[in-house]
Amino acid sequence: MLGYATVGTNDFDRAKVFFDDVFSLIGLKRVIDMDRVCYWGTDFLEAAIGVVKPFDGGPANVGNGGMLALKAGGRAAVDAVHARALALGGRDEGAPGVRGPDGEGAYYGAYFRDLDGNKFVVFAIGGPAVPF
């Protein structure tokens, strides 16, 4: 089970504003905010996602093949998070849509990169009737 995951940033304050807005759409809030790291979740005793200024003082860079997956309550939430991320300067890495067969149990996802190039997917499982 995931405890927490982090991505690096070269502009800590800008990243916090970006993630405050994007993550709020799926019910995440800041659970820890310190000098070099900030985490979002529902409670720090649950899984959290953090953004950090690299502790070695070097520049943050993106890992090839790395991605964080954000679970959403339904397709409308997936659409909203993806749109908000792009509106805030994120980059599209795959428009919202079904990957594989549609219907009950379908995987509906959208992919974006944050302001530092870190890749995220926001997804929901189930048909169009899954609530926001």
Foldseek 3Di string as FASTA:
>chain_A
DALEEEAEDPDVVLQVVLCQVLVVLQPWHWADDDDFKIWIDNHSRHYIYMYGHDPVNDHGAEDPPDEAEAEHQAQVSQQVSQVSQVVSPKAWPAHWDWDPDAAAQTKTWTWIAHPRGHIYIYIYTHHRPRDD
